[in-house]
Amino acid sequence: MKYVLFLIAILFSSQAVALNCEKQPTCEELNYSKDDDPQCAEDGYILCPFDFSYKKCAQPDCEKLGFTSSEKSGWCSEIITCPQDSSYTACNCLKPRCNIGDVFYADGSCGDVKDYTSDKIPVGVVYYTNCAGGGKVINLKDFKRIGGDYSFNPENPYHGTSNLVWGYSQYDIPKLANYNSNIVANDLGLFDGKGNTDKILNAEQPTCNFEPNIYTYYYSCVPQVAQAAHDFYPPEILPNNSIVGQGKWYLPAIGELMDLYGCDRSKITSLWGKSGATGEIITIVNSTLKALKERNVAAEELKSMYWSSTEYNSEKAWRINITDGDRVPDPKTYDKFSRASLEF
């Protein structure tokens, strides 16, 4: 009888456990995987207790996460440590070398316009900075050419009454991407004026049936505005200057001109029009240019429509109206304002 009661007790006990048992989760539901984690240390995995073929990372590898053991205090404004090993660090953001609106000088230094003194030669204004400590500069005045001559003279880049044409009309430049209105806002090609300028100038010249030094020659046979930007060097500077001399400058891409105007890249819905335009940067840059002019520096505020190095097709290239941020492709034969940009 005791044996029977013992069996009955076991039976009821088993049923009670069964009634209280929940469904066992799978390894995948517990975020285990059969795939390797590229950021995990070799011995940093734990195995799923229900299936040892599944694993997940419990110990990331500091080096694979971008942390290093090198000293950073001399150049980094915010040092962060790897959670797994405090001897490994990374720079969250470099200390800015320049601020937006700073005067950029021929020796590569920069500073607030209120601190300007004539012992340095100003060559541009900073309009963009990045977390890597670099940035971009726009030169101080618009390029000009003598109306009857049509050519651009880098020895006297601001002399004349006429603006420059884009050039290479009816020629779709090889290796230079064409952009229509449908864009991806973070497309790096929209912000690579230096790369654009190199592609334009390195392209094989098209067949030309016009005599040199006439208007049709400059808008059909040569890339006038890109060549001007490349050949430019600021007055009072030797062309072979290693920081701001010839070959250091380029024709900015449409995205860089958008940055110059002021643009929220996350709100760009089309390259055509004003989407994303804020206007906050051009106000700062023009304020610096105006202040330099008041200090008898050869500088002038940006105005009207500026050529970019971004091509639309064989007949048109993109320009921006710097007064309101509006972007439109215009015929390459048109005269537009133009300036050069410099990376530092």
C-alpha atoms as a PDB file:
ATOM      1  CA  MET A   1       0.000   0.000   0.000  1.00  0.00           C
ATOM      2  CA  LYS A   2       2.871   2.375   0.808  1.00  0.00           C
ATOM      3  CA  TYR A   3       4.352   1.604  -2.591  1.00  0.00           C
ATOM      4  CA  VAL A   4       1.107   2.503  -4.354  1.00  0.00           C
ATOM      5  CA  LEU A   5       0.858   5.785  -2.424  1.00  0.00           C
ATOM      6  CA  PHE A   6       4.464   6.578  -3.351  1.00  0.00           C
ATOM      7  CA  LEU A   7       3.703   6.051  -7.054  1.00  0.00           C
ATOM      8  CA  ILE A   8       0.599   8.235  -6.824  1.00  0.00           C
ATOM      9  CA  ALA A   9       2.675  11.022  -5.148  1.00  0.00           C
ATOM     10  CA  ILE A  10       5.265  10.882  -7.947  1.00  0.00           C
ATOM     11  CA  LEU A  11       2.512  11.021 -10.580  1.00  0.00           C
ATOM     12  CA  PHE A  12       0.900  14.115  -9.083  1.00  0.00           C
ATOM     13  CA  SER A  13       4.306  15.781  -8.630  1.00  0.00           C
ATOM     14  CA  SER A  14       5.199  15.207 -12.320  1.00  0.00           C
ATOM     15  CA  GLN A  15       1.861  16.597 -13.468  1.00  0.00           C
ATOM     16  CA  ALA A  16       2.411  19.707 -11.350  1.00  0.00           C
ATOM     17  CA  VAL A  17       5.811  20.321 -12.970  1.00  0.00           C
ATOM     18  CA  ALA A  18       4.344  19.766 -16.416  1.00  0.00           C
ATOM     19  CA  LEU A  19       1.576  22.255 -15.742  1.00  0.00           C
ATOM     20  CA  ASN A  20       4.114  24.945 -14.683  1.00  0.00           C
ATOM     21  CA  CYS A  21       6.626  24.401 -17.537  1.00  0.00           C
ATOM     22  CA  GLU A  22       6.914  27.105 -20.275  1.00  0.00           C
ATOM     23  CA  LYS A  23       8.046  26.569 -23.885  1.00  0.00           C
ATOM     24  CA  GLN A  24      11.817  26.472 -24.148  1.00  0.00           C
ATOM     25  CA  PRO A  25      13.186  29.376 -26.311  1.00  0.00           C
ATOM     26  CA  THR A  26      15.273  28.582 -29.375  1.00  0.00           C
ATOM     27  CA  CYS A  27      18.880  29.661 -29.763  1.00  0.00           C
ATOM     28  CA  GLU A  28      17.908  32.150 -32.471  1.00  0.00           C
ATOM     29  CA  GLU A  29      15.298  33.696 -30.166  1.00  0.00           C
ATOM     30  CA  LEU A  30      18.085  34.197 -27.655  1.00  0.00           C
ATOM     31  CA  ASN A  31      20.159  36.050 -30.325  1.00  0.00           C
ATOM     32  CA  TYR A  32      22.626  33.253 -30.948  1.00  0.00           C
ATOM     33  CA  SER A  33      23.833  32.664 -34.494  1.00  0.00           C
ATOM     34  CA  LYS A  34      25.886  30.188 -36.481  1.00  0.00           C
ATOM     35  CA  ASP A  35      27.697  33.061 -38.251  1.00  0.00           C
ATOM     36  CA  ASP A  36      30.957  34.659 -37.160  1.00  0.00           C
ATOM     37  CA  ASP A  37      30.863  38.211 -35.768  1.00  0.00           C
ATOM     38  CA  PRO A  38      33.576  40.283 -37.550  1.00  0.00           C
ATOM     39  CA  GLN A  39      34.011  42.460 -34.432  1.00  0.00           C
ATOM     40  CA  CYS A  40      34.395  39.611 -31.930  1.00  0.00           C
ATOM     41  CA  ALA A  41      37.621  38.393 -30.350  1.00  0.00           C
ATOM     42  CA  GLU A  42      38.639  34.840 -31.287  1.00  0.00           C
ATOM     43  CA  ASP A  43      37.897  33.521 -27.785  1.00  0.00           C
ATOM     44  CA  GLY A  44      35.067  35.959 -27.118  1.00  0.00           C
ATOM     45  CA  TYR A  45      32.088  33.731 -27.972  1.00  0.00           C
ATOM     46  CA  ILE A  46      29.646  31.956 -25.683  1.00  0.00           C
ATOM     47  CA  LEU A  47      27.711  28.915 -26.899  1.00  0.00           C
ATOM     48  CA  CYS A  48      23.989  28.361 -26.821  1.00  0.00           C
ATOM     49  CA  PRO A  49      23.237  25.810 -24.031  1.00  0.00           C
ATOM     50  CA  PHE A  50      20.595  24.071 -26.198  1.00  0.00           C
ATOM     51  CA  ASP A  51      22.703  23.758 -29.363  1.00  0.00           C
ATOM     52  CA  PHE A  52      26.479  24.240 -29.348  1.00  0.00           C
ATOM     53  CA  SER A  53      26.508  25.056 -33.066  1.00  0.00           C
ATOM     54  CA  TYR A  54      25.021  28.461 -32.165  1.00  0.00           C
ATOM     55  CA  LYS A  55      27.108  31.218 -30.582  1.00  0.00           C
ATOM     56  CA  LYS A  56      27.126  34.941 -29.817  1.00  0.00           C
ATOM     57  CA  CYS A  57      29.817  37.453 -28.972  1.00  0.00           C
ATOM     58  CA  ALA A  58      30.371  38.298 -25.332  1.00  0.00           C
ATOM     59  CA  GLN A  59      33.831  39.837 -25.764  1.00  0.00           C
ATOM     60  CA  PRO A  60      34.299  42.194 -28.761  1.00  0.00           C
ATOM     61  CA  ASP A  61      37.820  42.744 -30.058  1.00  0.00           C
ATOM     62  CA  CYS A  62      39.011  46.312 -29.322  1.00  0.00           C
ATOM     63  CA  GLU A  63      41.164  46.556 -32.453  1.00  0.00           C
ATOM     64  CA  LYS A  64      38.367  45.276 -34.667  1.00  0.00           C
ATOM     65  CA  LEU A  65      36.124  47.975 -33.166  1.00  0.00           C
ATOM     66  CA  GLY A  66      38.639  50.644 -34.246  1.00  0.00           C
ATOM     67  CA  PHE A  67      40.393  51.230 -30.935  1.00  0.00           C
ATOM     68  CA  THR A  68      44.202  51.437 -30.788  1.00  0.00           C
ATOM     69  CA  SER A  69      46.855  51.651 -28.072  1.00  0.00           C
ATOM     70  CA  SER A  70      48.540  54.762 -29.551  1.00  0.00           C
ATOM     71  CA  GLU A  71      48.794  58.086 -27.682  1.00  0.00           C
ATOM     72  CA  LYS A  72      46.100  60.603 -28.734  1.00  0.00           C
ATOM     73  CA  SER A  73      46.145  63.369 -26.130  1.00  0.00           C
ATOM     74  CA  GLY A  74      48.147  65.718 -28.363  1.00  0.00           C
ATOM     75  CA  TRP A  75      45.551  65.961 -31.108  1.00  0.00           C
ATOM     76  CA  CYS A  76      42.236  64.505 -29.945  1.00  0.00           C
ATOM     77  CA  SER A  77      39.631  66.578 -28.094  1.00  0.00           C
ATOM     78  CA  GLU A  78      37.572  63.611 -26.873  1.00  0.00           C
ATOM     79  CA  ILE A  79      39.221  60.248 -26.146  1.00  0.00           C
ATOM     80  CA  ILE A  80      37.009  57.213 -25.495  1.00  0.00           C
ATOM     81  CA  THR A  81      38.165  53.847 -24.140  1.00  0.00           C
ATOM     82  CA  CYS A  82      37.289  50.341 -25.233  1.00  0.00           C
ATOM     83  CA  PRO A  83      34.902  48.773 -22.671  1.00  0.00           C
ATOM     84  CA  GLN A  84      36.798  45.477 -22.779  1.00  0.00           C
ATOM     85  CA  ASP A  85      40.304  46.944 -22.369  1.00  0.00           C
ATOM     86  CA  SER A  86      40.914  50.506 -21.164  1.00  0.00           C
ATOM     87  CA  SER A  87      44.424  50.530 -22.658  1.00  0.00           C
ATOM     88  CA  TYR A  88      42.788  50.750 -26.092  1.00  0.00           C
ATOM     89  CA  THR A  89      41.326  54.133 -27.026  1.00  0.00           C
ATOM     90  CA  ALA A  90      39.746  55.953 -29.958  1.00  0.00           C
ATOM     91  CA  CYS A  91      39.217  59.598 -30.863  1.00  0.00           C
ATOM     92  CA  ASN A  92      35.554  60.505 -30.848  1.00  0.00           C
ATOM     93  CA  CYS A  93      36.272  63.708 -32.746  1.00  0.00           C
ATOM     94  CA  LEU A  94      39.408  65.641 -33.580  1.00  0.00           C
ATOM     95  CA  LYS A  95      39.895  69.104 -32.185  1.00  0.00           C
ATOM     96  CA  PRO A  96      38.797  71.444 -35.025  1.00  0.00           C
ATOM     97  CA  ARG A  97      41.730  73.099 -36.706  1.00  0.00           C
ATOM     98  CA  CYS A  98      39.487  75.879 -37.969  1.00  0.00           C
ATOM     99  CA  ASN A  99      35.932  77.044 -37.418  1.00  0.00           C
ATOM    100  CA  ILE A 100      33.334  77.844 -40.049  1.00  0.00           C
ATOM    101  CA  GLY A 101      33.700  81.506 -40.992  1.00  0.00           C
ATOM    102  CA  ASP A 102      37.390  81.673 -40.061  1.00  0.00           C
ATOM    103  CA  VAL A 103      39.812  83.503 -42.314  1.00  0.00           C
ATOM    104  CA  PHE A 104      42.171  81.008 -43.947  1.00  0.00           C
ATOM    105  CA  TYR A 105      45.740  82.276 -44.481  1.00  0.00           C
ATOM    106  CA  ALA A 106      48.453  81.432 -46.988  1.00  0.00           C
ATOM    107  CA  ASP A 107      50.523  79.680 -44.325  1.00  0.00           C
ATOM    108  CA  GLY A 108      47.680  77.216 -43.616  1.00  0.00           C
ATOM    109  CA  SER A 109      46.598  78.824 -40.363  1.00  0.00           C
ATOM    110  CA  CYS A 110      43.157  80.250 -39.673  1.00  0.00           C
ATOM    111  CA  GLY A 111      41.431  82.521 -37.209  1.00  0.00           C
ATOM    112  CA  ASP A 112      38.460  84.698 -36.421  1.00  0.00           C
ATOM    113  CA  VAL A 113      38.206  87.779 -38.630  1.00  0.00           C
ATOM    114  CA  LYS A 114      38.081  90.032 -35.587  1.00  0.00           C
ATOM    115  CA  ASP A 115      41.678  88.985 -34.876  1.00  0.00           C
ATOM    116  CA  TYR A 116      42.846  89.760 -38.415  1.00  0.00           C
ATOM    117  CA  THR A 117      46.145  91.600 -38.789  1.00  0.00           C
ATOM    118  CA  SER A 118      47.961  92.513 -41.978  1.00  0.00           C
ATOM    119  CA  ASP A 119      51.039  90.447 -41.099  1.00  0.00           C
ATOM    120  CA  LYS A 120      49.397  87.417 -42.732  1.00  0.00           C
ATOM    121  CA  ILE A 121      47.980  86.954 -46.230  1.00  0.00           C
ATOM    122  CA  PRO A 122      44.294  85.906 -46.247  1.00  0.00           C
ATOM    123  CA  VAL A 123      43.331  83.631 -49.142  1.00  0.00           C
ATOM    124  CA  GLY A 124      39.856  82.326 -48.280  1.00  0.00           C
ATOM    125  CA  VAL A 125      37.109  81.646 -45.765  1.00  0.00           C
ATOM    126  CA  VAL A 126      36.358  78.287 -44.123  1.00  0.00           C
ATOM    127  CA  TYR A 127      32.868  77.004 -45.002  1.00  0.00           C
ATOM    128  CA  TYR A 128      33.056  73.353 -43.956  1.00  0.00           C
ATOM    129  CA  THR A 129      34.790  71.335 -41.234  1.00  0.00           C
ATOM    130  CA  ASN A 130      34.761  67.635 -40.415  1.00  0.00           C
ATOM    131  CA  CYS A 131      35.406  65.379 -37.457  1.00  0.00           C
ATOM    132  CA  ALA A 132      38.740  64.319 -38.915  1.00  0.00           C
ATOM    133  CA  GLY A 133      40.083  67.803 -38.207  1.00  0.00           C
ATOM    134  CA  GLY A 134      40.024  69.007 -41.820  1.00  0.00           C
ATOM    135  CA  GLY A 135      37.781  71.274 -43.795  1.00  0.00           C
ATOM    136  CA  LYS A 136      37.194  73.321 -46.944  1.00  0.00           C
ATOM    137  CA  VAL A 137      37.815  76.911 -47.974  1.00  0.00           C
ATOM    138  CA  ILE A 138      36.298  79.196 -50.624  1.00  0.00           C
ATOM    139  CA  ASN A 139      38.514  81.870 -52.197  1.00  0.00           C
ATOM    140  CA  LEU A 140      37.906  85.584 -51.579  1.00  0.00           C
ATOM    141  CA  LYS A 141      36.588  86.911 -54.912  1.00  0.00           C
ATOM    142  CA  ASP A 142      34.784  85.829 -58.079  1.00  0.00           C
ATOM    143  CA  PHE A 143      36.817  84.877 -61.139  1.00  0.00           C
ATOM    144  CA  LYS A 144      36.648  87.355 -64.025  1.00  0.00           C
ATOM    145  CA  ARG A 145      37.848  87.593 -67.609  1.00  0.00           C
ATOM    146  CA  ILE A 146      38.196  90.487 -70.022  1.00  0.00           C
ATOM    147  CA  GLY A 147      35.069  90.536 -72.169  1.00  0.00           C
ATOM    148  CA  GLY A 148      36.747  90.820 -75.567  1.00  0.00           C
ATOM    149  CA  ASP A 149      39.514  88.365 -74.723  1.00  0.00           C
ATOM    150  CA  TYR A 150      37.357  85.533 -73.296  1.00  0.00           C
ATOM    151  CA  SER A 151      40.361  83.823 -71.696  1.00  0.00           C
ATOM    152  CA  PHE A 152      41.044  83.556 -67.966  1.00  0.00           C
ATOM    153  CA  ASN A 153      44.372  84.870 -66.665  1.00  0.00           C
ATOM    154  CA  PRO A 154      45.484  83.163 -63.424  1.00  0.00           C
ATOM    155  CA  GLU A 155      48.063  85.908 -62.909  1.00  0.00           C
ATOM    156  CA  ASN A 156      45.199  88.379 -62.550  1.00  0.00           C
ATOM    157  CA  PRO A 157      42.182  86.202 -61.657  1.00  0.00           C
ATOM    158  CA  TYR A 158      39.859  88.988 -60.522  1.00  0.00           C
ATOM    159  CA  HIS A 159      40.454  91.426 -63.382  1.00  0.00           C
ATOM    160  CA  GLY A 160      37.723  91.887 -65.957  1.00  0.00           C
ATOM    161  CA  THR A 161      34.014  92.411 -66.285  1.00  0.00           C
ATOM    162  CA  SER A 162      32.750  89.043 -67.528  1.00  0.00           C
ATOM    163  CA  ASN A 163      32.146  85.686 -65.839  1.00  0.00           C
ATOM    164  CA  LEU A 164      33.377  82.318 -67.098  1.00  0.00           C
ATOM    165  CA  VAL A 165      31.614  79.639 -69.111  1.00  0.00           C
ATOM    166  CA  TRP A 166      31.593  76.011 -67.976  1.00  0.00           C
ATOM    167  CA  GLY A 167      32.918  74.770 -71.319  1.00  0.00           C
ATOM    168  CA  TYR A 168      32.950  71.396 -73.090  1.00  0.00           C
ATOM    169  CA  SER A 169      29.475  71.997 -74.469  1.00  0.00           C
ATOM    170  CA  GLN A 170      28.032  68.923 -76.243  1.00  0.00           C
ATOM    171  CA  TYR A 171      30.715  66.747 -74.661  1.00  0.00           C
ATOM    172  CA  ASP A 172      29.780  64.140 -72.046  1.00  0.00           C
ATOM    173  CA  ILE A 173      32.990  63.852 -70.052  1.00  0.00           C
ATOM    174  CA  PRO A 174      34.155  60.232 -69.600  1.00  0.00           C
ATOM    175  CA  LYS A 175      34.366  58.965 -66.002  1.00  0.00           C
ATOM    176  CA  LEU A 176      32.517  62.050 -64.712  1.00  0.00           C
ATOM    177  CA  ALA A 177      29.160  60.969 -63.298  1.00  0.00           C
ATOM    178  CA  ASN A 178      26.013  62.621 -64.619  1.00  0.00           C
ATOM    179  CA  TYR A 179      23.497  63.593 -61.946  1.00  0.00           C
ATOM    180  CA  ASN A 180      19.809  64.099 -62.592  1.00  0.00           C
ATOM    181  CA  SER A 181      17.324  65.232 -59.966  1.00  0.00           C
ATOM    182  CA  ASN A 182      17.033  61.767 -58.363  1.00  0.00           C
ATOM    183  CA  ILE A 183      19.893  61.497 -55.890  1.00  0.00           C
ATOM    184  CA  VAL A 184      20.991  59.808 -52.717  1.00  0.00           C
ATOM    185  CA  ALA A 185      21.728  62.619 -50.260  1.00  0.00           C
ATOM    186  CA  ASN A 186      24.863  60.958 -48.872  1.00  0.00           C
ATOM    187  CA  ASP A 187      26.333  60.171 -52.311  1.00  0.00           C
ATOM    188  CA  LEU A 188      29.977  61.138 -51.834  1.00  0.00           C
ATOM    189  CA  GLY A 189      30.284  62.048 -55.513  1.00  0.00           C
ATOM    190  CA  LEU A 190      28.115  65.090 -54.878  1.00  0.00           C
ATOM    191  CA  PHE A 191      30.782  66.459 -52.531  1.00  0.00           C
ATOM    192  CA  ASP A 192      33.973  65.573 -54.418  1.00  0.00           C
ATOM    193  CA  GLY A 193      34.803  68.675 -56.423  1.00  0.00           C
ATOM    194  CA  LYS A 194      38.499  67.860 -56.389  1.00  0.00           C
ATOM    195  CA  GLY A 195      37.833  64.465 -57.939  1.00  0.00           C
ATOM    196  CA  ASN A 196      35.467  66.039 -60.467  1.00  0.00           C
ATOM    197  CA  THR A 197      38.025  68.676 -61.457  1.00  0.00           C
ATOM    198  CA  ASP A 198      40.712  66.030 -61.972  1.00  0.00           C
ATOM    199  CA  LYS A 199      38.384  63.961 -64.162  1.00  0.00           C
ATOM    200  CA  ILE A 200      37.416  66.988 -66.242  1.00  0.00           C
ATOM    201  CA  LEU A 201      41.006  68.079 -66.809  1.00  0.00           C
ATOM    202  CA  ASN A 202      42.318  64.557 -67.447  1.00  0.00           C
ATOM    203  CA  ALA A 203      39.656  63.729 -70.026  1.00  0.00           C
ATOM    204  CA  GLU A 204      40.674  63.486 -73.649  1.00  0.00           C
ATOM    205  CA  GLN A 205      39.757  66.711 -75.398  1.00  0.00           C
ATOM    206  CA  PRO A 206      36.881  66.471 -77.876  1.00  0.00           C
ATOM    207  CA  THR A 207      37.308  67.260 -81.551  1.00  0.00           C
ATOM    208  CA  CYS A 208      37.171  71.038 -81.955  1.00  0.00           C
ATOM    209  CA  ASN A 209      36.438  72.950 -85.127  1.00  0.00           C
ATOM    210  CA  PHE A 210      36.753  76.440 -83.684  1.00  0.00           C
ATOM    211  CA  GLU A 211      39.768  78.727 -83.755  1.00  0.00           C
ATOM    212  CA  PRO A 212      41.364  79.410 -80.361  1.00  0.00           C
ATOM    213  CA  ASN A 213      40.590  82.591 -78.458  1.00  0.00           C
ATOM    214  CA  ILE A 214      37.067  83.094 -79.727  1.00  0.00           C
ATOM    215  CA  TYR A 215      33.975  82.728 -77.578  1.00  0.00           C
ATOM    216  CA  THR A 216      32.764  79.481 -79.195  1.00  0.00           C
ATOM    217  CA  TYR A 217      36.191  77.953 -78.617  1.00  0.00           C
ATOM    218  CA  TYR A 218      35.969  78.509 -74.869  1.00  0.00           C
ATOM    219  CA  TYR A 219      32.504  77.052 -74.426  1.00  0.00           C
ATOM    220  CA  SER A 220      32.984  74.131 -76.831  1.00  0.00           C
ATOM    221  CA  CYS A 221      36.624  73.106 -76.813  1.00  0.00           C
ATOM    222  CA  VAL A 222      37.975  73.648 -73.297  1.00  0.00           C
ATOM    223  CA  PRO A 223      36.695  73.184 -69.722  1.00  0.00           C
ATOM    224  CA  GLN A 224      37.168  76.861 -68.903  1.00  0.00           C
ATOM    225  CA  VAL A 225      35.858  77.131 -65.356  1.00  0.00           C
ATOM    226  CA  ALA A 226      37.439  73.885 -64.096  1.00  0.00           C
ATOM    227  CA  GLN A 227      40.765  74.853 -65.694  1.00  0.00           C
ATOM    228  CA  ALA A 228      40.553  78.298 -64.104  1.00  0.00           C
ATOM    229  CA  ALA A 229      39.956  76.805 -60.648  1.00  0.00           C
ATOM    230  CA  HIS A 230      42.909  74.436 -61.042  1.00  0.00           C
ATOM    231  CA  ASP A 231      45.248  77.172 -62.353  1.00  0.00           C
ATOM    232  CA  PHE A 232      44.199  79.724 -59.749  1.00  0.00           C
ATOM    233  CA  TYR A 233      46.554  80.971 -57.073  1.00  0.00           C
ATOM    234  CA  PRO A 234      45.750  83.937 -54.814  1.00  0.00           C
ATOM    235  CA  PRO A 235      47.312  87.320 -55.560  1.00  0.00           C
ATOM    236  CA  GLU A 236      50.487  87.986 -53.537  1.00  0.00           C
ATOM    237  CA  ILE A 237      51.194  84.223 -53.534  1.00  0.00           C
ATOM    238  CA  LEU A 238      53.713  82.476 -55.777  1.00  0.00           C
ATOM    239  CA  PRO A 239      52.163  79.834 -58.072  1.00  0.00           C
ATOM    240  CA  ASN A 240      54.418  77.124 -56.614  1.00  0.00           C
ATOM    241  CA  ASN A 241      53.264  77.743 -53.027  1.00  0.00           C
ATOM    242  CA  SER A 242      53.010  74.298 -51.414  1.00  0.00           C
ATOM    243  CA  ILE A 243      49.853  75.112 -49.439  1.00  0.00           C
ATOM    244  CA  VAL A 244      47.671  77.392 -51.589  1.00  0.00           C
ATOM    245  CA  GLY A 245      49.462  77.571 -54.950  1.00  0.00           C
ATOM    246  CA  GLN A 246      48.443  76.323 -58.391  1.00  0.00           C
ATOM    247  CA  GLY A 247      46.968  72.850 -58.449  1.00  0.00           C
ATOM    248  CA  LYS A 248      45.774  73.043 -54.832  1.00  0.00           C
ATOM    249  CA  TRP A 249      42.416  74.594 -55.709  1.00  0.00           C
ATOM    250  CA  TYR A 250      39.477  73.025 -57.556  1.00  0.00           C
ATOM    251  CA  LEU A 251      35.959  73.772 -58.800  1.00  0.00           C
ATOM    252  CA  PRO A 252      33.563  72.730 -56.007  1.00  0.00           C
ATOM    253  CA  ALA A 253      30.918  70.079 -56.652  1.00  0.00           C
ATOM    254  CA  ILE A 254      27.241  70.947 -56.294  1.00  0.00           C
ATOM    255  CA  GLY A 255      27.117  69.301 -52.857  1.00  0.00           C
ATOM    256  CA  GLU A 256      30.005  71.464 -51.671  1.00  0.00           C
ATOM    257  CA  LEU A 257      28.203  74.577 -52.899  1.00  0.00           C
ATOM    258  CA  MET A 258      25.161  73.338 -50.973  1.00  0.00           C
ATOM    259  CA  ASP A 259      27.385  73.107 -47.881  1.00  0.00           C
ATOM    260  CA  LEU A 260      28.651  76.621 -48.626  1.00  0.00           C
ATOM    261  CA  TYR A 261      25.081  77.900 -48.684  1.00  0.00           C
ATOM    262  CA  GLY A 262      24.031  75.821 -45.680  1.00  0.00           C
ATOM    263  CA  CYS A 263      22.258  72.523 -46.090  1.00  0.00           C
ATOM    264  CA  ASP A 264      20.608  69.823 -43.993  1.00  0.00           C
ATOM    265  CA  ARG A 265      21.650  66.759 -45.995  1.00  0.00           C
ATOM    266  CA  SER A 266      19.013  64.580 -44.316  1.00  0.00           C
ATOM    267  CA  LYS A 267      16.264  66.726 -45.838  1.00  0.00           C
ATOM    268  CA  ILE A 268      17.427  66.650 -49.469  1.00  0.00           C
ATOM    269  CA  THR A 269      14.681  65.088 -51.586  1.00  0.00           C
ATOM    270  CA  SER A 270      15.912  66.200 -55.008  1.00  0.00           C
ATOM    271  CA  LEU A 271      19.041  67.783 -56.413  1.00  0.00           C
ATOM    272  CA  TRP A 272      16.772  70.109 -58.379  1.00  0.00           C
ATOM    273  CA  GLY A 273      15.323  72.855 -56.179  1.00  0.00           C
ATOM    274  CA  LYS A 274      15.854  73.998 -52.600  1.00  0.00           C
ATOM    275  CA  SER A 275      15.194  70.911 -50.480  1.00  0.00           C
ATOM    276  CA  GLY A 276      17.517  70.811 -47.475  1.00  0.00           C
ATOM    277  CA  ALA A 277      18.665  74.405 -47.968  1.00  0.00           C
ATOM    278  CA  THR A 278      19.061  76.370 -44.709  1.00  0.00           C
ATOM    279  CA  GLY A 279      21.206  79.395 -45.599  1.00  0.00           C
ATOM    280  CA  GLU A 280      22.985  79.438 -42.241  1.00  0.00           C
ATOM    281  CA  ILE A 281      26.545  79.008 -43.567  1.00  0.00           C
ATOM    282  CA  ILE A 282      26.499  81.615 -46.348  1.00  0.00           C
ATOM    283  CA  THR A 283      25.470  84.228 -43.792  1.00  0.00           C
ATOM    284  CA  ILE A 284      28.574  83.471 -41.715  1.00  0.00           C
ATOM    285  CA  VAL A 285      30.919  83.304 -44.725  1.00  0.00           C
ATOM    286  CA  ASN A 286      29.618  86.545 -46.249  1.00  0.00           C
ATOM    287  CA  SER A 287      29.948  88.277 -42.891  1.00  0.00           C
ATOM    288  CA  THR A 288      33.659  87.381 -42.857  1.00  0.00           C
ATOM    289  CA  LEU A 289      34.121  88.466 -46.477  1.00  0.00           C
ATOM    290  CA  LYS A 290      32.438  91.788 -45.737  1.00  0.00           C
ATOM    291  CA  ALA A 291      34.641  92.332 -42.674  1.00  0.00           C
ATOM    292  CA  LEU A 292      37.787  91.596 -44.704  1.00  0.00           C
ATOM    293  CA  LYS A 293      36.716  94.067 -47.384  1.00  0.00           C
ATOM    294  CA  GLU A 294      36.227  96.708 -44.677  1.00  0.00           C
ATOM    295  CA  ARG A 295      39.833  96.038 -43.657  1.00  0.00           C
ATOM    296  CA  ASN A 296      40.998  96.798 -47.227  1.00  0.00           C
ATOM    297  CA  VAL A 297      41.469  93.145 -48.211  1.00  0.00           C
ATOM    298  CA  ALA A 298      40.577  92.224 -51.796  1.00  0.00           C
ATOM    299  CA  ALA A 299      37.422  90.297 -50.861  1.00  0.00           C
ATOM    300  CA  GLU A 300      33.748  90.391 -51.830  1.00  0.00           C
ATOM    301  CA  GLU A 301      30.583  88.669 -50.692  1.00  0.00           C
ATOM    302  CA  LEU A 302      29.214  85.716 -52.658  1.00  0.00           C
ATOM    303  CA  LYS A 303      26.185  86.494 -54.771  1.00  0.00           C
ATOM    304  CA  SER A 304      24.004  85.174 -57.584  1.00  0.00           C
ATOM    305  CA  MET A 305      24.565  81.880 -59.454  1.00  0.00           C
ATOM    306  CA  TYR A 306      27.755  79.809 -59.226  1.00  0.00           C
ATOM    307  CA  TRP A 307      29.030  76.995 -61.399  1.00  0.00           C
ATOM    308  CA  SER A 308      29.731  73.602 -59.853  1.00  0.00           C
ATOM    309  CA  SER A 309      31.925  70.813 -61.243  1.00  0.00           C
ATOM    310  CA  THR A 310      28.928  68.429 -61.280  1.00  0.00           C
ATOM    311  CA  GLU A 311      27.726  67.496 -64.760  1.00  0.00           C
ATOM    312  CA  TYR A 312      24.073  67.012 -65.693  1.00  0.00           C
ATOM    313  CA  ASN A 313      24.648  65.749 -69.236  1.00  0.00           C
ATOM    314  CA  SER A 314      26.651  66.662 -72.334  1.00  0.00           C
ATOM    315  CA  GLU A 315      24.856  70.008 -72.629  1.00  0.00           C
ATOM    316  CA  LYS A 316      24.371  71.132 -69.022  1.00  0.00           C
ATOM    317  CA  ALA A 317      26.064  71.335 -65.624  1.00  0.00           C
ATOM    318  CA  TRP A 318      24.687  72.126 -62.178  1.00  0.00           C
ATOM    319  CA  ARG A 319      24.765  75.582 -60.646  1.00  0.00           C
ATOM    320  CA  ILE A 320      23.468  77.014 -57.370  1.00  0.00           C
ATOM    321  CA  ASN A 321      21.868  80.359 -56.650  1.00  0.00           C
ATOM    322  CA  ILE A 322      23.840  81.293 -53.561  1.00  0.00           C
ATOM    323  CA  THR A 323      21.182  83.802 -52.482  1.00  0.00           C
ATOM    324  CA  ASP A 324      18.476  81.173 -51.862  1.00  0.00           C
ATOM    325  CA  GLY A 325      20.081  77.724 -52.305  1.00  0.00           C
ATOM    326  CA  ASP A 326      18.190  76.873 -55.506  1.00  0.00           C
ATOM    327  CA  ARG A 327      19.913  74.255 -57.722  1.00  0.00           C
ATOM    328  CA  VAL A 328      19.336  73.997 -61.472  1.00  0.00           C
ATOM    329  CA  PRO A 329      21.293  72.552 -64.430  1.00  0.00           C
ATOM    330  CA  ASP A 330      22.192  75.253 -66.959  1.00  0.00           C
ATOM    331  CA  PRO A 331      23.751  75.123 -70.441  1.00  0.00           C
ATOM    332  CA  LYS A 332      27.525  74.903 -70.360  1.00  0.00           C
ATOM    333  CA  THR A 333      27.680  77.875 -72.735  1.00  0.00           C
ATOM    334  CA  TYR A 334      26.297  80.307 -70.124  1.00  0.00           C
ATOM    335  CA  ASP A 335      28.401  82.795 -68.173  1.00  0.00           C
ATOM    336  CA  LYS A 336      28.105  82.181 -64.415  1.00  0.00           C
ATOM    337  CA  PHE A 337      29.944  83.299 -61.300  1.00  0.00           C
ATOM    338  CA  SER A 338      32.673  80.951 -60.110  1.00  0.00           C
ATOM    339  CA  ARG A 339      35.112  80.509 -57.265  1.00  0.00           C
ATOM    340  CA  ALA A 340      37.620  77.879 -56.259  1.00  0.00           C
ATOM    341  CA  SER A 341      37.663  75.635 -53.219  1.00  0.00           C
ATOM    342  CA  LEU A 342      40.574  74.230 -51.215  1.00  0.00           C
ATOM    343  CA  GLU A 343      40.776  71.266 -48.846  1.00  0.00           C
ATOM    344  CA  PHE A 344      42.901  71.376 -45.698  1.00  0.00           C
END
